[in-house]
Amino acid sequence: MYYMKEKTIDYVLRTTWLAVQKMYNEEASKFDATMAVAFTLLSIDPVHGTPSTALGPKMGMEATSLSRILKSMEERGVIERKPNPDDGRGVLIHLTDFGREKREYSRDRVLTFNNTIRNHVSNEKLNNFYEVAEVINELISNKKIYTQNEKSLK
């Protein structure tokens, strides 16, 4: 079993995510893009577009970071902004034909990664991984890691 007592859970999470991020950025750079751009492409509805206000929360990103990414994507011609017909104040982010092409490539890279991992890890271990990730997310979102009492001790 792969377990080393001196490595903390957050260390394993962080180093694994950094390795995944580096791998995706290396792939994206072959097409003059970044992982953040690819993730954004995958988060936009390819048929109906996505409201710009829904994109940040959907991706778990701050509005300012997302604004920079969207600006660069628009300059590269992968997205276009159109008025939201359901909300005159809102804007829908739509993929251009070029953007749909880039989205399909990004989707293929994600599926290749997932299929490769699935071919090397049993379903039982993958299910355990998902369960652990879910517990971590629940504990964090319910503020069960650091209690109010600990905060007031500082």
C-alpha atoms as a PDB file:
ATOM      1  CA  MET A   1       0.000   0.000   0.000  1.00  0.00           C
ATOM      2  CA  TYR A   2       1.273   3.492  -0.872  1.00  0.00           C
ATOM      3  CA  TYR A   3       1.349   5.355   2.423  1.00  0.00           C
ATOM      4  CA  MET A   4       4.173   7.251   4.005  1.00  0.00           C
ATOM      5  CA  LYS A   5       3.553   8.426   7.533  1.00  0.00           C
ATOM      6  CA  GLU A   6       5.706  11.568   7.270  1.00  0.00           C
ATOM      7  CA  LYS A   7       3.617  13.010   4.402  1.00  0.00           C
ATOM      8  CA  THR A   8       0.579  15.002   5.442  1.00  0.00           C
ATOM      9  CA  ILE A   9      -2.723  14.765   3.575  1.00  0.00           C
ATOM     10  CA  ASP A  10      -2.476  18.365   2.413  1.00  0.00           C
ATOM     11  CA  TYR A  11       1.078  17.741   1.139  1.00  0.00           C
ATOM     12  CA  VAL A  12      -0.096  14.808  -0.999  1.00  0.00           C
ATOM     13  CA  LEU A  13      -3.087  16.793  -2.285  1.00  0.00           C
ATOM     14  CA  ARG A  14      -0.969  19.844  -3.091  1.00  0.00           C
ATOM     15  CA  THR A  15       1.897  18.032  -4.822  1.00  0.00           C
ATOM     16  CA  THR A  16      -0.481  15.822  -6.799  1.00  0.00           C
ATOM     17  CA  TRP A  17      -2.528  18.818  -7.939  1.00  0.00           C
ATOM     18  CA  LEU A  18       0.626  20.728  -8.891  1.00  0.00           C
ATOM     19  CA  ALA A  19       1.774  17.746 -10.988  1.00  0.00           C
ATOM     20  CA  VAL A  20      -1.627  17.555 -12.723  1.00  0.00           C
ATOM     21  CA  GLN A  21      -1.626  21.318 -13.297  1.00  0.00           C
ATOM     22  CA  LYS A  22       1.896  21.189 -14.754  1.00  0.00           C
ATOM     23  CA  MET A  23       0.924  18.302 -17.050  1.00  0.00           C
ATOM     24  CA  TYR A  24      -2.192  20.130 -18.304  1.00  0.00           C
ATOM     25  CA  ASN A  25      -0.270  23.381 -18.797  1.00  0.00           C
ATOM     26  CA  GLU A  26       2.396  21.538 -20.799  1.00  0.00           C
ATOM     27  CA  GLU A  27      -0.330  20.056 -23.023  1.00  0.00           C
ATOM     28  CA  ALA A  28      -2.108  23.409 -23.369  1.00  0.00           C
ATOM     29  CA  SER A  29       1.127  25.228 -24.229  1.00  0.00           C
ATOM     30  CA  LYS A  30       1.443  23.058 -27.348  1.00  0.00           C
ATOM     31  CA  PHE A  31      -1.615  24.959 -28.561  1.00  0.00           C
ATOM     32  CA  ASP A  32      -0.664  28.371 -27.201  1.00  0.00           C
ATOM     33  CA  ALA A  33      -3.108  28.103 -24.292  1.00  0.00           C
ATOM     34  CA  THR A  34      -3.138  27.469 -20.535  1.00  0.00           C
ATOM     35  CA  MET A  35      -4.952  25.067 -18.245  1.00  0.00           C
ATOM     36  CA  ALA A  36      -7.091  27.981 -17.010  1.00  0.00           C
ATOM     37  CA  VAL A  37      -8.233  28.726 -20.570  1.00  0.00           C
ATOM     38  CA  ALA A  38      -8.989  25.047 -21.193  1.00  0.00           C
ATOM     39  CA  PHE A  39     -10.963  24.809 -17.934  1.00  0.00           C
ATOM     40  CA  THR A  40     -12.920  27.905 -18.920  1.00  0.00           C
ATOM     41  CA  LEU A  41     -13.678  26.439 -22.360  1.00  0.00           C
ATOM     42  CA  LEU A  42     -15.012  23.291 -20.693  1.00  0.00           C
ATOM     43  CA  SER A  43     -17.195  25.366 -18.352  1.00  0.00           C
ATOM     44  CA  ILE A  44     -19.000  27.233 -21.153  1.00  0.00           C
ATOM     45  CA  ASP A  45     -22.136  25.630 -22.572  1.00  0.00           C
ATOM     46  CA  PRO A  46     -21.131  24.959 -26.206  1.00  0.00           C
ATOM     47  CA  VAL A  47     -24.701  25.358 -27.505  1.00  0.00           C
ATOM     48  CA  HIS A  48     -26.429  28.047 -25.421  1.00  0.00           C
ATOM     49  CA  GLY A  49     -23.479  29.919 -23.945  1.00  0.00           C
ATOM     50  CA  THR A  50     -23.101  30.647 -20.244  1.00  0.00           C
ATOM     51  CA  PRO A  51     -23.961  33.823 -18.324  1.00  0.00           C
ATOM     52  CA  SER A  52     -20.726  35.568 -17.377  1.00  0.00           C
ATOM     53  CA  THR A  53     -21.973  35.909 -13.776  1.00  0.00           C
ATOM     54  CA  ALA A  54     -22.465  32.111 -13.510  1.00  0.00           C
ATOM     55  CA  LEU A  55     -19.032  31.229 -14.856  1.00  0.00           C
ATOM     56  CA  GLY A  56     -16.934  32.290 -11.830  1.00  0.00           C
ATOM     57  CA  PRO A  57     -18.950  30.350  -9.240  1.00  0.00           C
ATOM     58  CA  LYS A  58     -19.173  27.353 -11.592  1.00  0.00           C
ATOM     59  CA  MET A  59     -15.373  27.302 -11.826  1.00  0.00           C
ATOM     60  CA  GLY A  60     -14.673  28.338  -8.230  1.00  0.00           C
ATOM     61  CA  MET A  61     -12.786  31.427  -9.421  1.00  0.00           C
ATOM     62  CA  GLU A  62     -12.699  35.049  -8.364  1.00  0.00           C
ATOM     63  CA  ALA A  63     -14.288  37.490 -10.798  1.00  0.00           C
ATOM     64  CA  THR A  64     -11.053  39.452 -11.350  1.00  0.00           C
ATOM     65  CA  SER A  65      -9.058  36.347 -12.354  1.00  0.00           C
ATOM     66  CA  LEU A  66     -11.846  35.210 -14.621  1.00  0.00           C
ATOM     67  CA  SER A  67     -12.127  38.655 -16.243  1.00  0.00           C
ATOM     68  CA  ARG A  68      -8.469  38.493 -17.300  1.00  0.00           C
ATOM     69  CA  ILE A  69      -8.900  35.002 -18.736  1.00  0.00           C
ATOM     70  CA  LEU A  70     -12.074  35.972 -20.625  1.00  0.00           C
ATOM     71  CA  LYS A  71     -10.404  39.105 -22.024  1.00  0.00           C
ATOM     72  CA  SER A  72      -7.479  37.073 -23.378  1.00  0.00           C
ATOM     73  CA  MET A  73      -9.846  34.402 -24.744  1.00  0.00           C
ATOM     74  CA  GLU A  74     -11.876  37.071 -26.529  1.00  0.00           C
ATOM     75  CA  GLU A  75      -8.695  38.586 -28.005  1.00  0.00           C
ATOM     76  CA  ARG A  76      -7.699  35.129 -29.297  1.00  0.00           C
ATOM     77  CA  GLY A  77     -11.110  34.631 -30.878  1.00  0.00           C
ATOM     78  CA  VAL A  78     -12.242  31.590 -28.895  1.00  0.00           C
ATOM     79  CA  ILE A  79     -15.196  33.323 -27.207  1.00  0.00           C
ATOM     80  CA  GLU A  80     -17.560  36.171 -27.898  1.00  0.00           C
ATOM     81  CA  ARG A  81     -19.825  38.095 -25.561  1.00  0.00           C
ATOM     82  CA  LYS A  82     -23.481  38.519 -26.492  1.00  0.00           C
ATOM     83  CA  PRO A  83     -26.314  40.240 -24.638  1.00  0.00           C
ATOM     84  CA  ASN A  84     -28.405  37.819 -22.578  1.00  0.00           C
ATOM     85  CA  PRO A  85     -31.899  37.749 -24.179  1.00  0.00           C
ATOM     86  CA  ASP A  86     -33.420  36.742 -20.812  1.00  0.00           C
ATOM     87  CA  ASP A  87     -31.687  39.500 -18.845  1.00  0.00           C
ATOM     88  CA  GLY A  88     -30.931  42.785 -20.604  1.00  0.00           C
ATOM     89  CA  ARG A  89     -28.202  43.661 -18.097  1.00  0.00           C
ATOM     90  CA  GLY A  90     -26.400  40.318 -18.428  1.00  0.00           C
ATOM     91  CA  VAL A  91     -23.921  38.948 -20.920  1.00  0.00           C
ATOM     92  CA  LEU A  92     -23.666  35.425 -22.282  1.00  0.00           C
ATOM     93  CA  ILE A  93     -20.258  33.976 -23.083  1.00  0.00           C
ATOM     94  CA  HIS A  94     -20.419  31.960 -26.315  1.00  0.00           C
ATOM     95  CA  LEU A  95     -17.764  29.821 -27.948  1.00  0.00           C
ATOM     96  CA  THR A  96     -16.747  30.704 -31.490  1.00  0.00           C
ATOM     97  CA  ASP A  97     -16.175  27.882 -33.986  1.00  0.00           C
ATOM     98  CA  PHE A  98     -12.488  28.129 -33.106  1.00  0.00           C
ATOM     99  CA  GLY A  99     -13.425  28.003 -29.407  1.00  0.00           C
ATOM    100  CA  ARG A 100     -15.531  24.860 -29.912  1.00  0.00           C
ATOM    101  CA  GLU A 101     -12.561  23.270 -31.658  1.00  0.00           C
ATOM    102  CA  LYS A 102     -10.268  24.178 -28.727  1.00  0.00           C
ATOM    103  CA  ARG A 103     -12.934  22.973 -26.256  1.00  0.00           C
ATOM    104  CA  GLU A 104     -13.087  19.589 -27.996  1.00  0.00           C
ATOM    105  CA  TYR A 105      -9.310  19.268 -27.760  1.00  0.00           C
ATOM    106  CA  SER A 106      -9.427  20.197 -24.046  1.00  0.00           C
ATOM    107  CA  ARG A 107     -12.207  17.678 -23.443  1.00  0.00           C
ATOM    108  CA  ASP A 108     -10.153  14.990 -25.174  1.00  0.00           C
ATOM    109  CA  ARG A 109      -7.135  15.736 -22.952  1.00  0.00           C
ATOM    110  CA  VAL A 110      -9.264  15.478 -19.772  1.00  0.00           C
ATOM    111  CA  LEU A 111     -10.830  12.203 -20.927  1.00  0.00           C
ATOM    112  CA  THR A 112      -7.389  10.805 -21.815  1.00  0.00           C
ATOM    113  CA  PHE A 113      -6.148  11.668 -18.310  1.00  0.00           C
ATOM    114  CA  ASN A 114      -9.222  10.125 -16.665  1.00  0.00           C
ATOM    115  CA  ASN A 115      -9.118   6.962 -18.773  1.00  0.00           C
ATOM    116  CA  THR A 116      -5.408   6.489 -18.125  1.00  0.00           C
ATOM    117  CA  ILE A 117      -5.921   6.760 -14.354  1.00  0.00           C
ATOM    118  CA  ARG A 118      -8.928   4.401 -14.530  1.00  0.00           C
ATOM    119  CA  ASN A 119      -6.765   1.864 -16.386  1.00  0.00           C
ATOM    120  CA  HIS A 120      -4.196   1.933 -13.574  1.00  0.00           C
ATOM    121  CA  VAL A 121      -6.410   2.165 -10.473  1.00  0.00           C
ATOM    122  CA  SER A 122      -9.164  -0.219  -9.421  1.00  0.00           C
ATOM    123  CA  ASN A 123     -12.761   0.979  -9.152  1.00  0.00           C
ATOM    124  CA  GLU A 124     -12.644   0.291  -5.426  1.00  0.00           C
ATOM    125  CA  LYS A 125      -9.603   2.529  -4.931  1.00  0.00           C
ATOM    126  CA  LEU A 126     -11.103   5.251  -7.129  1.00  0.00           C
ATOM    127  CA  ASN A 127     -14.340   5.140  -5.136  1.00  0.00           C
ATOM    128  CA  ASN A 128     -12.297   5.446  -1.929  1.00  0.00           C
ATOM    129  CA  PHE A 129     -10.480   8.438  -3.411  1.00  0.00           C
ATOM    130  CA  TYR A 130     -13.792  10.129  -4.294  1.00  0.00           C
ATOM    131  CA  GLU A 131     -15.180   9.405  -0.821  1.00  0.00           C
ATOM    132  CA  VAL A 132     -12.135  10.913   0.889  1.00  0.00           C
ATOM    133  CA  ALA A 133     -12.271  13.995  -1.364  1.00  0.00           C
ATOM    134  CA  GLU A 134     -15.975  14.394  -0.558  1.00  0.00           C
ATOM    135  CA  VAL A 135     -15.311  14.175   3.194  1.00  0.00           C
ATOM    136  CA  ILE A 136     -12.523  16.760   2.929  1.00  0.00           C
ATOM    137  CA  ASN A 137     -14.771  19.127   0.964  1.00  0.00           C
ATOM    138  CA  GLU A 138     -17.671  18.666   3.400  1.00  0.00           C
ATOM    139  CA  LEU A 139     -15.465  19.275   6.435  1.00  0.00           C
ATOM    140  CA  ILE A 140     -14.060  22.423   4.869  1.00  0.00           C
ATOM    141  CA  SER A 141     -17.378  23.805   3.610  1.00  0.00           C
ATOM    142  CA  ASN A 142     -19.052  23.120   6.975  1.00  0.00           C
ATOM    143  CA  LYS A 143     -16.121  24.780   8.765  1.00  0.00           C
ATOM    144  CA  LYS A 144     -15.434  21.638  10.798  1.00  0.00           C
ATOM    145  CA  ILE A 145     -11.628  21.783  10.543  1.00  0.00           C
ATOM    146  CA  TYR A 146     -10.918  24.952  12.462  1.00  0.00           C
ATOM    147  CA  THR A 147     -13.515  25.777  15.099  1.00  0.00           C
ATOM    148  CA  GLN A 148     -14.541  29.219  16.301  1.00  0.00           C
ATOM    149  CA  ASN A 149     -12.874  28.507  19.678  1.00  0.00           C
ATOM    150  CA  GLU A 150      -9.512  27.971  17.991  1.00  0.00           C
ATOM    151  CA  LYS A 151      -9.872  31.260  16.078  1.00  0.00           C
ATOM    152  CA  SER A 152     -10.494  33.228  19.279  1.00  0.00           C
ATOM    153  CA  LEU A 153      -7.323  31.840  20.914  1.00  0.00           C
ATOM    154  CA  LYS A 154      -5.084  33.819  18.554  1.00  0.00           C
END
